[in-house]
């Protein structure tokens, strides 16, 4: 015996999708990282991963960046990409610390030296 009931009537309305997890990390990259295109490389790499934030040189010769977005992509950036950097760079340390996430629509910015 076929049922004439609407099959969608028994399906509860879908719950709102949770917002994707976001986190932010501030990193200081040490070594031979200024004057070698590290800021441009960082901005391009972060954008390719869909991360928001910024990067800038520091007067002490290090590079500082704020990475905000998908936790797995931030982890990839910190553990696999920043320690290598662009071809002319020599990275000796990547020092992360927690930070507040930024709005993803802000994109990724190259800032002035501090």
PDB file of N, CA and C in Angstrom:
ATOM      1  N   UNK A   1       0.839  -1.162   0.000  1.00  0.00           N
ATOM      2  CA  UNK A   1       0.000   0.000   0.000  1.00  0.00           C
ATOM      3  C   UNK A   1       0.890   1.233   0.000  1.00  0.00           C
ATOM      4  N   UNK A   2       0.742   2.109  -0.975  1.00  0.00           N
ATOM      5  CA  UNK A   2       1.556   3.307  -1.111  1.00  0.00           C
ATOM      6  C   UNK A   2       1.025   4.404  -0.221  1.00  0.00           C
ATOM      7  N   UNK A   3       1.934   5.139   0.369  1.00  0.00           N
ATOM      8  CA  UNK A   3       1.538   6.247   1.240  1.00  0.00           C
ATOM      9  C   UNK A   3       1.465   7.514   0.406  1.00  0.00           C
ATOM     10  N   UNK A   4       0.466   8.320   0.649  1.00  0.00           N
ATOM     11  CA  UNK A   4       0.326   9.557  -0.104  1.00  0.00           C
ATOM     12  C   UNK A   4       0.889  10.743   0.679  1.00  0.00           C
ATOM     13  N   UNK A   5       1.517  10.476   1.827  1.00  0.00           N
ATOM     14  CA  UNK A   5       2.074  11.570   2.637  1.00  0.00           C
ATOM     15  C   UNK A   5       3.287  12.186   1.934  1.00  0.00           C
ATOM     16  N   UNK A   6       3.479  13.465   2.132  1.00  0.00           N
ATOM     17  CA  UNK A   6       4.614  14.187   1.564  1.00  0.00           C
ATOM     18  C   UNK A   6       5.893  13.700   2.262  1.00  0.00           C
ATOM     19  N   UNK A   7       6.864  13.152   1.510  1.00  0.00           N
ATOM     20  CA  UNK A   7       8.060  12.626   2.149  1.00  0.00           C
ATOM     21  C   UNK A   7       8.880  13.717   2.849  1.00  0.00           C
ATOM     22  N   UNK A   8       8.776  14.962   2.402  1.00  0.00           N
ATOM     23  CA  UNK A   8       9.531  16.039   3.039  1.00  0.00           C
ATOM     24  C   UNK A   8       8.889  16.509   4.341  1.00  0.00           C
ATOM     25  N   UNK A   9       7.626  16.172   4.552  1.00  0.00           N
ATOM     26  CA  UNK A   9       6.920  16.640   5.740  1.00  0.00           C
ATOM     27  C   UNK A   9       7.517  16.051   7.016  1.00  0.00           C
ATOM     28  N   UNK A  10       8.062  14.841   6.928  1.00  0.00           N
ATOM     29  CA  UNK A  10       8.618  14.202   8.111  1.00  0.00           C
ATOM     30  C   UNK A  10      10.057  14.659   8.385  1.00  0.00           C
ATOM     31  N   UNK A  11      10.670  15.344   7.436  1.00  0.00           N
ATOM     32  CA  UNK A  11      12.050  15.795   7.615  1.00  0.00           C
ATOM     33  C   UNK A  11      12.055  17.097   8.398  1.00  0.00           C
ATOM     34  N   UNK A  12      12.738  17.119   9.535  1.00  0.00           N
ATOM     35  CA  UNK A  12      12.780  18.369  10.307  1.00  0.00           C
ATOM     36  C   UNK A  12      13.574  19.428   9.545  1.00  0.00           C
ATOM     37  N   UNK A  13      13.274  20.689   9.796  1.00  0.00           N
ATOM     38  CA  UNK A  13      14.031  21.741   9.106  1.00  0.00           C
ATOM     39  C   UNK A  13      15.511  21.633   9.481  1.00  0.00           C
ATOM     40  N   UNK A  14      16.380  21.935   8.526  1.00  0.00           N
ATOM     41  CA  UNK A  14      17.809  21.808   8.799  1.00  0.00           C
ATOM     42  C   UNK A  14      18.251  22.896   9.774  1.00  0.00           C
ATOM     43  N   UNK A  15      19.130  22.500  10.656  1.00  0.00           N
ATOM     44  CA  UNK A  15      19.669  23.436  11.640  1.00  0.00           C
ATOM     45  C   UNK A  15      20.632  24.381  10.939  1.00  0.00           C
ATOM     46  N   UNK A  16      20.757  25.587  11.445  1.00  0.00           N
ATOM     47  CA  UNK A  16      21.716  26.505  10.824  1.00  0.00           C
ATOM     48  C   UNK A  16      23.128  25.921  10.912  1.00  0.00           C
ATOM     49  N   UNK A  17      23.886  26.093   9.854  1.00  0.00           N
ATOM     50  CA  UNK A  17      25.243  25.570   9.829  1.00  0.00           C
ATOM     51  C   UNK A  17      26.121  26.400  10.765  1.00  0.00           C
ATOM     52  N   UNK A  18      26.932  25.735  11.579  1.00  0.00           N
ATOM     53  CA  UNK A  18      27.814  26.507  12.458  1.00  0.00           C
ATOM     54  C   UNK A  18      28.864  27.247  11.633  1.00  0.00           C
ATOM     55  N   UNK A  19      29.271  28.389  12.135  1.00  0.00           N
ATOM     56  CA  UNK A  19      30.302  29.161  11.450  1.00  0.00           C
ATOM     57  C   UNK A  19      31.595  28.360  11.486  1.00  0.00           C
ATOM     58  N   UNK A  20      32.358  28.347  10.382  1.00  0.00           N
ATOM     59  CA  UNK A  20      33.602  27.579  10.397  1.00  0.00           C
ATOM     60  C   UNK A  20      34.529  28.073  11.507  1.00  0.00           C
ATOM     61  N   UNK A  21      35.272  27.147  12.086  1.00  0.00           N
ATOM     62  CA  UNK A  21      36.197  27.507  13.153  1.00  0.00           C
ATOM     63  C   UNK A  21      37.252  28.463  12.612  1.00  0.00           C
ATOM     64  N   UNK A  22      37.553  29.483  13.394  1.00  0.00           N
ATOM     65  CA  UNK A  22      38.595  30.423  13.016  1.00  0.00           C
ATOM     66  C   UNK A  22      39.501  30.625  14.219  1.00  0.00           C
ATOM     67  N   UNK A  23      40.754  30.839  13.929  1.00  0.00           N
ATOM     68  CA  UNK A  23      41.677  31.188  14.986  1.00  0.00           C
ATOM     69  C   UNK A  23      42.679  32.168  14.413  1.00  0.00           C
ATOM     70  N   UNK A  24      43.494  32.718  15.269  1.00  0.00           N
ATOM     71  CA  UNK A  24      44.533  33.641  14.805  1.00  0.00           C
ATOM     72  C   UNK A  24      45.805  33.390  15.591  1.00  0.00           C
ATOM     73  N   UNK A  25      46.909  33.577  14.900  1.00  0.00           N
ATOM     74  CA  UNK A  25      48.216  33.414  15.509  1.00  0.00           C
ATOM     75  C   UNK A  25      49.108  34.557  15.028  1.00  0.00           C
ATOM     76  N   UNK A  26      49.822  35.156  15.958  1.00  0.00           N
ATOM     77  CA  UNK A  26      50.838  36.150  15.618  1.00  0.00           C
ATOM     78  C   UNK A  26      52.161  35.397  15.600  1.00  0.00           C
ATOM     79  N   UNK A  27      52.945  35.568  14.546  1.00  0.00           N
ATOM     80  CA  UNK A  27      54.231  34.886  14.452  1.00  0.00           C
ATOM     81  C   UNK A  27      55.347  35.895  14.223  1.00  0.00           C
ATOM     82  N   UNK A  28      56.484  35.602  14.809  1.00  0.00           N
ATOM     83  CA  UNK A  28      57.696  36.357  14.530  1.00  0.00           C
ATOM     84  C   UNK A  28      58.651  35.366  13.873  1.00  0.00           C
ATOM     85  N   UNK A  29      59.126  35.734  12.688  1.00  0.00           N
ATOM     86  CA  UNK A  29      60.026  34.873  11.921  1.00  0.00           C
ATOM     87  C   UNK A  29      61.413  35.508  11.979  1.00  0.00           C
ATOM     88  N   UNK A  30      62.401  34.712  12.437  1.00  0.00           N
ATOM     89  CA  UNK A  30      63.763  35.220  12.603  1.00  0.00           C
ATOM     90  C   UNK A  30      64.700  34.554  11.611  1.00  0.00           C
ATOM     91  N   UNK A  31      65.804  35.227  11.356  1.00  0.00           N
ATOM     92  CA  UNK A  31      66.813  34.728  10.433  1.00  0.00           C
ATOM     93  C   UNK A  31      67.133  35.786   9.397  1.00  0.00           C
ATOM     94  N   UNK A  32      67.560  35.366   8.224  1.00  0.00           N
ATOM     95  CA  UNK A  32      67.806  36.285   7.118  1.00  0.00           C
ATOM     96  C   UNK A  32      66.493  36.388   6.339  1.00  0.00           C
ATOM     97  N   UNK A  33      65.609  37.282   6.831  1.00  0.00           N
ATOM     98  CA  UNK A  33      64.246  37.326   6.295  1.00  0.00           C
ATOM     99  C   UNK A  33      63.824  38.705   5.802  1.00  0.00           C
ATOM    100  N   UNK A  34      64.723  39.690   5.888  1.00  0.00           N
ATOM    101  CA  UNK A  34      64.387  41.008   5.339  1.00  0.00           C
ATOM    102  C   UNK A  34      65.234  41.248   4.102  1.00  0.00           C
ATOM    103  N   UNK A  35      64.663  41.966   3.135  1.00  0.00           N
ATOM    104  CA  UNK A  35      65.367  42.242   1.890  1.00  0.00           C
ATOM    105  C   UNK A  35      65.407  41.057   0.936  1.00  0.00           C
ATOM    106  N   UNK A  36      64.582  40.032   1.202  1.00  0.00           N
ATOM    107  CA  UNK A  36      64.576  38.831   0.364  1.00  0.00           C
ATOM    108  C   UNK A  36      63.184  38.510  -0.182  1.00  0.00           C
ATOM    109  N   UNK A  37      62.257  39.472  -0.072  1.00  0.00           N
ATOM    110  CA  UNK A  37      60.895  39.251  -0.568  1.00  0.00           C
ATOM    111  C   UNK A  37      60.012  38.456   0.377  1.00  0.00           C
ATOM    112  N   UNK A  38      60.400  38.395   1.647  1.00  0.00           N
ATOM    113  CA  UNK A  38      59.636  37.573   2.600  1.00  0.00           C
ATOM    114  C   UNK A  38      58.222  38.091   2.812  1.00  0.00           C
ATOM    115  N   UNK A  39      58.037  39.408   2.884  1.00  0.00           N
ATOM    116  CA  UNK A  39      56.676  39.946   3.091  1.00  0.00           C
ATOM    117  C   UNK A  39      55.769  39.621   1.914  1.00  0.00           C
ATOM    118  N   UNK A  40      56.253  39.860   0.689  1.00  0.00           N
ATOM    119  CA  UNK A  40      55.433  39.555  -0.493  1.00  0.00           C
ATOM    120  C   UNK A  40      55.110  38.069  -0.563  1.00  0.00           C
ATOM    121  N   UNK A  41      56.112  37.224  -0.300  1.00  0.00           N
ATOM    122  CA  UNK A  41      55.909  35.777  -0.316  1.00  0.00           C
ATOM    123  C   UNK A  41      54.882  35.364   0.743  1.00  0.00           C
ATOM    124  N   UNK A  42      54.994  35.934   1.944  1.00  0.00           N
ATOM    125  CA  UNK A  42      54.055  35.604   3.026  1.00  0.00           C
ATOM    126  C   UNK A  42      52.636  36.007   2.653  1.00  0.00           C
ATOM    127  N   UNK A  43      52.482  37.215   2.121  1.00  0.00           N
ATOM    128  CA  UNK A  43      51.148  37.689   1.731  1.00  0.00           C
ATOM    129  C   UNK A  43      50.557  36.793   0.646  1.00  0.00           C
ATOM    130  N   UNK A  44      51.340  36.466  -0.363  1.00  0.00           N
ATOM    131  CA  UNK A  44      50.859  35.620  -1.462  1.00  0.00           C
ATOM    132  C   UNK A  44      50.493  34.220  -0.954  1.00  0.00           C
ATOM    133  N   UNK A  45      51.347  33.647  -0.102  1.00  0.00           N
ATOM    134  CA  UNK A  45      51.096  32.305   0.428  1.00  0.00           C
ATOM    135  C   UNK A  45      49.860  32.294   1.321  1.00  0.00           C
ATOM    136  N   UNK A  46      49.739  33.287   2.192  1.00  0.00           N
ATOM    137  CA  UNK A  46      48.580  33.364   3.080  1.00  0.00           C
ATOM    138  C   UNK A  46      47.293  33.526   2.284  1.00  0.00           C
ATOM    139  N   UNK A  47      47.313  34.382   1.267  1.00  0.00           N
ATOM    140  CA  UNK A  47      46.121  34.575   0.431  1.00  0.00           C
ATOM    141  C   UNK A  47      45.755  33.289  -0.286  1.00  0.00           C
ATOM    142  N   UNK A  48      46.749  32.534  -0.749  1.00  0.00           N
ATOM    143  CA  UNK A  48      46.453  31.285  -1.458  1.00  0.00           C
ATOM    144  C   UNK A  48      45.798  30.260  -0.525  1.00  0.00           C
ATOM    145  N   UNK A  49      46.043  30.398   0.772  1.00  0.00           N
ATOM    146  CA  UNK A  49      45.427  29.504   1.761  1.00  0.00           C
ATOM    147  C   UNK A  49      44.098  30.062   2.301  1.00  0.00           C
ATOM    148  N   UNK A  50      43.714  31.249   1.849  1.00  0.00           N
ATOM    149  CA  UNK A  50      42.473  31.849   2.312  1.00  0.00           C
ATOM    150  C   UNK A  50      42.573  32.497   3.679  1.00  0.00           C
ATOM    151  N   UNK A  51      43.788  32.855   4.091  1.00  0.00           N
ATOM    152  CA  UNK A  51      43.973  33.478   5.401  1.00  0.00           C
ATOM    153  C   UNK A  51      43.890  34.990   5.296  1.00  0.00           C
ATOM    154  N   UNK A  52      43.450  35.614   6.369  1.00  0.00           N
ATOM    155  CA  UNK A  52      43.428  37.068   6.482  1.00  0.00           C
ATOM    156  C   UNK A  52      44.529  37.470   7.458  1.00  0.00           C
ATOM    157  N   UNK A  53      44.860  38.761   7.470  1.00  0.00           N
ATOM    158  CA  UNK A  53      45.831  39.266   8.425  1.00  0.00           C
ATOM    159  C   UNK A  53      46.780  40.248   7.796  1.00  0.00           C
ATOM    160  N   UNK A  54      48.023  40.242   8.273  1.00  0.00           N
ATOM    161  CA  UNK A  54      49.021  41.188   7.785  1.00  0.00           C
ATOM    162  C   UNK A  54      50.426  40.653   8.032  1.00  0.00           C
ATOM    163  N   UNK A  55      51.395  41.311   7.379  1.00  0.00           N
ATOM    164  CA  UNK A  55      52.804  40.985   7.573  1.00  0.00           C
ATOM    165  C   UNK A  55      53.590  42.288   7.518  1.00  0.00           C
ATOM    166  N   UNK A  56      54.685  42.365   8.302  1.00  0.00           N
ATOM    167  CA  UNK A  56      55.529  43.554   8.292  1.00  0.00           C
ATOM    168  C   UNK A  56      56.942  43.191   8.750  1.00  0.00           C
ATOM    169  N   UNK A  57      57.911  43.990   8.292  1.00  0.00           N
ATOM    170  CA  UNK A  57      59.270  43.875   8.794  1.00  0.00           C
ATOM    171  C   UNK A  57      59.340  44.551  10.151  1.00  0.00           C
ATOM    172  N   UNK A  58      60.298  44.103  10.963  1.00  0.00           N
ATOM    173  CA  UNK A  58      60.568  44.752  12.238  1.00  0.00           C
ATOM    174  C   UNK A  58      61.998  45.287  12.208  1.00  0.00           C
ATOM    175  N   UNK A  59      62.219  46.348  12.932  1.00  0.00           N
ATOM    176  CA  UNK A  59      63.538  46.986  12.921  1.00  0.00           C
ATOM    177  C   UNK A  59      64.646  46.055  13.410  1.00  0.00           C
ATOM    178  N   UNK A  60      64.288  45.021  14.173  1.00  0.00           N
ATOM    179  CA  UNK A  60      65.315  44.089  14.673  1.00  0.00           C
ATOM    180  C   UNK A  60      65.724  43.063  13.616  1.00  0.00           C
ATOM    181  N   UNK A  61      65.185  43.162  12.389  1.00  0.00           N
ATOM    182  CA  UNK A  61      65.554  42.259  11.312  1.00  0.00           C
ATOM    183  C   UNK A  61      64.642  41.057  11.164  1.00  0.00           C
ATOM    184  N   UNK A  62      63.647  40.940  12.024  1.00  0.00           N
ATOM    185  CA  UNK A  62      62.688  39.836  11.913  1.00  0.00           C
ATOM    186  C   UNK A  62      61.483  40.285  11.098  1.00  0.00           C
ATOM    187  N   UNK A  63      60.606  39.337  10.815  1.00  0.00           N
ATOM    188  CA  UNK A  63      59.341  39.616  10.144  1.00  0.00           C
ATOM    189  C   UNK A  63      58.237  39.160  11.086  1.00  0.00           C
ATOM    190  N   UNK A  64      57.195  39.971  11.208  1.00  0.00           N
ATOM    191  CA  UNK A  64      56.057  39.667  12.083  1.00  0.00           C
ATOM    192  C   UNK A  64      54.809  39.546  11.218  1.00  0.00           C
ATOM    193  N   UNK A  65      53.953  38.571  11.543  1.00  0.00           N
ATOM    194  CA  UNK A  65      52.718  38.396  10.777  1.00  0.00           C
ATOM    195  C   UNK A  65      51.581  38.006  11.704  1.00  0.00           C
ATOM    196  N   UNK A  66      50.385  38.396  11.318  1.00  0.00           N
ATOM    197  CA  UNK A  66      49.158  37.939  11.964  1.00  0.00           C
ATOM    198  C   UNK A  66      48.438  37.079  10.937  1.00  0.00           C
ATOM    199  N   UNK A  67      48.182  35.831  11.291  1.00  0.00           N
ATOM    200  CA  UNK A  67      47.495  34.890  10.412  1.00  0.00           C
ATOM    201  C   UNK A  67      46.158  34.551  11.036  1.00  0.00           C
ATOM    202  N   UNK A  68      45.075  34.742  10.311  1.00  0.00           N
ATOM    203  CA  UNK A  68      43.736  34.512  10.848  1.00  0.00           C
ATOM    204  C   UNK A  68      42.915  33.717   9.844  1.00  0.00           C
ATOM    205  N   UNK A  69      42.240  32.663  10.344  1.00  0.00           N
ATOM    206  CA  UNK A  69      41.404  31.863   9.457  1.00  0.00           C
ATOM    207  C   UNK A  69      41.295  30.429   9.924  1.00  0.00           C
ATOM    208  N   UNK A  70      41.222  29.511   8.971  1.00  0.00           N
ATOM    209  CA  UNK A  70      41.068  28.088   9.230  1.00  0.00           C
ATOM    210  C   UNK A  70      42.264  27.574  10.038  1.00  0.00           C
ATOM    211  N   UNK A  71      42.016  26.947  11.202  1.00  0.00           N
ATOM    212  CA  UNK A  71      43.124  26.471  12.046  1.00  0.00           C
ATOM    213  C   UNK A  71      44.094  25.531  11.334  1.00  0.00           C
ATOM    214  N   UNK A  72      43.592  24.646  10.481  1.00  0.00           N
ATOM    215  CA  UNK A  72      44.474  23.710   9.779  1.00  0.00           C
ATOM    216  C   UNK A  72      45.388  24.447   8.798  1.00  0.00           C
ATOM    217  N   UNK A  73      44.878  25.477   8.161  1.00  0.00           N
ATOM    218  CA  UNK A  73      45.684  26.230   7.205  1.00  0.00           C
ATOM    219  C   UNK A  73      46.723  27.097   7.923  1.00  0.00           C
ATOM    220  N   UNK A  74      46.349  27.614   9.088  1.00  0.00           N
ATOM    221  CA  UNK A  74      47.323  28.358   9.892  1.00  0.00           C
ATOM    222  C   UNK A  74      48.444  27.419  10.335  1.00  0.00           C
ATOM    223  N   UNK A  75      48.077  26.234  10.784  1.00  0.00           N
ATOM    224  CA  UNK A  75      49.069  25.246  11.206  1.00  0.00           C
ATOM    225  C   UNK A  75      50.016  24.902  10.052  1.00  0.00           C
ATOM    226  N   UNK A  76      49.470  24.739   8.849  1.00  0.00           N
ATOM    227  CA  UNK A  76      50.277  24.459   7.666  1.00  0.00           C
ATOM    228  C   UNK A  76      51.256  25.608   7.409  1.00  0.00           C
ATOM    229  N   UNK A  77      50.771  26.819   7.529  1.00  0.00           N
ATOM    230  CA  UNK A  77      51.611  27.993   7.296  1.00  0.00           C
ATOM    231  C   UNK A  77      52.760  28.039   8.309  1.00  0.00           C
ATOM    232  N   UNK A  78      52.454  27.763   9.578  1.00  0.00           N
ATOM    233  CA  UNK A  78      53.459  27.868  10.637  1.00  0.00           C
ATOM    234  C   UNK A  78      54.461  26.712  10.597  1.00  0.00           C
ATOM    235  N   UNK A  79      53.998  25.516  10.329  1.00  0.00           N
ATOM    236  CA  UNK A  79      54.886  24.353  10.433  1.00  0.00           C
ATOM    237  C   UNK A  79      55.584  23.979   9.123  1.00  0.00           C
ATOM    238  N   UNK A  80      54.953  24.263   7.981  1.00  0.00           N
ATOM    239  CA  UNK A  80      55.535  23.821   6.710  1.00  0.00           C
ATOM    240  C   UNK A  80      56.035  24.950   5.828  1.00  0.00           C
ATOM    241  N   UNK A  81      55.371  26.080   5.837  1.00  0.00           N
ATOM    242  CA  UNK A  81      55.703  27.116   4.860  1.00  0.00           C
ATOM    243  C   UNK A  81      56.640  28.194   5.405  1.00  0.00           C
ATOM    244  N   UNK A  82      56.291  28.801   6.542  1.00  0.00           N
ATOM    245  CA  UNK A  82      57.145  29.857   7.085  1.00  0.00           C
ATOM    246  C   UNK A  82      58.561  29.373   7.412  1.00  0.00           C
ATOM    247  N   UNK A  83      58.756  28.152   7.922  1.00  0.00           N
ATOM    248  CA  UNK A  83      60.127  27.725   8.216  1.00  0.00           C
ATOM    249  C   UNK A  83      61.023  27.630   6.973  1.00  0.00           C
ATOM    250  N   UNK A  84      60.432  27.566   5.803  1.00  0.00           N
ATOM    251  CA  UNK A  84      61.193  27.499   4.555  1.00  0.00           C
ATOM    252  C   UNK A  84      61.281  28.890   3.927  1.00  0.00           C
ATOM    253  N   UNK A  85      60.141  29.576   3.803  1.00  0.00           N
ATOM    254  CA  UNK A  85      60.105  30.911   3.223  1.00  0.00           C
ATOM    255  C   UNK A  85      60.441  30.924   1.744  1.00  0.00           C
ATOM    256  N   UNK A  86      60.665  32.129   1.202  1.00  0.00           N
ATOM    257  CA  UNK A  86      61.033  32.236  -0.211  1.00  0.00           C
ATOM    258  C   UNK A  86      62.474  31.756  -0.409  1.00  0.00           C
ATOM    259  N   UNK A  87      62.878  31.514  -1.665  1.00  0.00           N
ATOM    260  CA  UNK A  87      64.194  30.924  -1.934  1.00  0.00           C
ATOM    261  C   UNK A  87      65.389  31.656  -1.313  1.00  0.00           C
ATOM    262  N   UNK A  88      65.388  32.981  -1.262  1.00  0.00           N
ATOM    263  CA  UNK A  88      66.549  33.719  -0.767  1.00  0.00           C
ATOM    264  C   UNK A  88      66.591  33.837   0.766  1.00  0.00           C
ATOM    265  N   UNK A  89      65.567  33.371   1.449  1.00  0.00           N
ATOM    266  CA  UNK A  89      65.496  33.508   2.908  1.00  0.00           C
ATOM    267  C   UNK A  89      66.193  32.348   3.617  1.00  0.00           C
ATOM    268  N   UNK A  90      66.673  32.635   4.817  1.00  0.00           N
ATOM    269  CA  UNK A  90      67.169  31.608   5.716  1.00  0.00           C
ATOM    270  C   UNK A  90      66.457  31.819   7.049  1.00  0.00           C
ATOM    271  N   UNK A  91      65.525  30.945   7.366  1.00  0.00           N
ATOM    272  CA  UNK A  91      64.731  31.069   8.592  1.00  0.00           C
ATOM    273  C   UNK A  91      65.402  30.270   9.696  1.00  0.00           C
ATOM    274  N   UNK A  92      65.607  30.933  10.846  1.00  0.00           N
ATOM    275  CA  UNK A  92      66.201  30.246  11.996  1.00  0.00           C
ATOM    276  C   UNK A  92      65.176  29.943  13.085  1.00  0.00           C
ATOM    277  N   UNK A  93      64.045  30.673  13.095  1.00  0.00           N
ATOM    278  CA  UNK A  93      63.011  30.420  14.109  1.00  0.00           C
ATOM    279  C   UNK A  93      61.676  30.992  13.657  1.00  0.00           C
ATOM    280  N   UNK A  94      60.611  30.306  14.033  1.00  0.00           N
ATOM    281  CA  UNK A  94      59.241  30.800  13.854  1.00  0.00           C
ATOM    282  C   UNK A  94      58.607  30.729  15.236  1.00  0.00           C
ATOM    283  N   UNK A  95      58.290  31.896  15.805  1.00  0.00           N
ATOM    284  CA  UNK A  95      57.801  31.972  17.176  1.00  0.00           C
ATOM    285  C   UNK A  95      56.330  32.404  17.166  1.00  0.00           C
ATOM    286  N   UNK A  96      55.398  31.460  17.406  1.00  0.00           N
ATOM    287  CA  UNK A  96      53.972  31.807  17.391  1.00  0.00           C
ATOM    288  C   UNK A  96      53.462  32.210  18.771  1.00  0.00           C
ATOM    289  N   UNK A  97      52.414  33.039  18.769  1.00  0.00           N
ATOM    290  CA  UNK A  97      51.672  33.367  19.984  1.00  0.00           C
ATOM    291  C   UNK A  97      50.214  33.592  19.590  1.00  0.00           C
ATOM    292  N   UNK A  98      49.314  33.424  20.538  1.00  0.00           N
ATOM    293  CA  UNK A  98      47.894  33.554  20.217  1.00  0.00           C
ATOM    294  C   UNK A  98      47.529  35.010  19.949  1.00  0.00           C
ATOM    295  N   UNK A  99      46.472  35.181  19.167  1.00  0.00           N
ATOM    296  CA  UNK A  99      45.977  36.509  18.814  1.00  0.00           C
ATOM    297  C   UNK A  99      44.480  36.420  18.581  1.00  0.00           C
ATOM    298  N   UNK A 100      43.839  37.559  18.439  1.00  0.00           N
ATOM    299  CA  UNK A 100      42.408  37.618  18.150  1.00  0.00           C
ATOM    300  C   UNK A 100      42.190  37.538  16.646  1.00  0.00           C
ATOM    301  N   UNK A 101      41.254  36.683  16.191  1.00  0.00           N
ATOM    302  CA  UNK A 101      40.968  36.597  14.746  1.00  0.00           C
ATOM    303  C   UNK A 101      40.485  37.933  14.191  1.00  0.00           C
ATOM    304  N   UNK A 102      40.760  38.142  12.912  1.00  0.00           N
ATOM    305  CA  UNK A 102      40.278  39.334  12.218  1.00  0.00           C
ATOM    306  C   UNK A 102      39.191  38.931  11.233  1.00  0.00           C
ATOM    307  N   UNK A 103      38.417  39.895  10.810  1.00  0.00           N
ATOM    308  CA  UNK A 103      37.349  39.651   9.841  1.00  0.00           C
ATOM    309  C   UNK A 103      37.970  39.133   8.549  1.00  0.00           C
ATOM    310  N   UNK A 104      37.505  37.975   8.044  1.00  0.00           N
ATOM    311  CA  UNK A 104      38.093  37.411   6.824  1.00  0.00           C
ATOM    312  C   UNK A 104      37.997  38.329   5.614  1.00  0.00           C
ATOM    313  N   UNK A 105      37.017  39.238   5.615  1.00  0.00           N
ATOM    314  CA  UNK A 105      36.853  40.127   4.461  1.00  0.00           C
ATOM    315  C   UNK A 105      37.952  41.185   4.387  1.00  0.00           C
ATOM    316  N   UNK A 106      38.778  41.304   5.435  1.00  0.00           N
ATOM    317  CA  UNK A 106      39.849  42.299   5.398  1.00  0.00           C
ATOM    318  C   UNK A 106      40.995  41.885   4.493  1.00  0.00           C
ATOM    319  N   UNK A 107      41.073  40.599   4.157  1.00  0.00           N
ATOM    320  CA  UNK A 107      42.130  40.127   3.278  1.00  0.00           C
ATOM    321  C   UNK A 107      43.475  40.099   3.988  1.00  0.00           C
ATOM    322  N   UNK A 108      44.546  40.155   3.207  1.00  0.00           N
ATOM    323  CA  UNK A 108      45.893  40.094   3.765  1.00  0.00           C
ATOM    324  C   UNK A 108      46.664  41.316   3.306  1.00  0.00           C
ATOM    325  N   UNK A 109      47.290  42.020   4.253  1.00  0.00           N
ATOM    326  CA  UNK A 109      47.901  43.321   3.992  1.00  0.00           C
ATOM    327  C   UNK A 109      49.395  43.291   4.309  1.00  0.00           C
ATOM    328  N   UNK A 110      50.178  44.018   3.534  1.00  0.00           N
ATOM    329  CA  UNK A 110      51.587  44.225   3.850  1.00  0.00           C
ATOM    330  C   UNK A 110      51.671  45.592   4.528  1.00  0.00           C
ATOM    331  N   UNK A 111      52.198  45.600   5.753  1.00  0.00           N
ATOM    332  CA  UNK A 111      52.278  46.832   6.535  1.00  0.00           C
ATOM    333  C   UNK A 111      53.697  47.370   6.541  1.00  0.00           C
ATOM    334  N   UNK A 112      53.822  48.623   7.017  1.00  0.00           N
ATOM    335  CA  UNK A 112      55.118  49.275   7.143  1.00  0.00           C
ATOM    336  C   UNK A 112      55.919  48.670   8.291  1.00  0.00           C
ATOM    337  N   UNK A 113      57.225  48.840   8.227  1.00  0.00           N
ATOM    338  CA  UNK A 113      58.144  48.376   9.261  1.00  0.00           C
ATOM    339  C   UNK A 113      57.845  49.043  10.593  1.00  0.00           C
ATOM    340  N   UNK A 114      57.983  48.252  11.675  1.00  0.00           N
ATOM    341  CA  UNK A 114      57.844  48.797  13.032  1.00  0.00           C
ATOM    342  C   UNK A 114      59.112  48.536  13.814  1.00  0.00           C
TER     343      UNK A 114
END
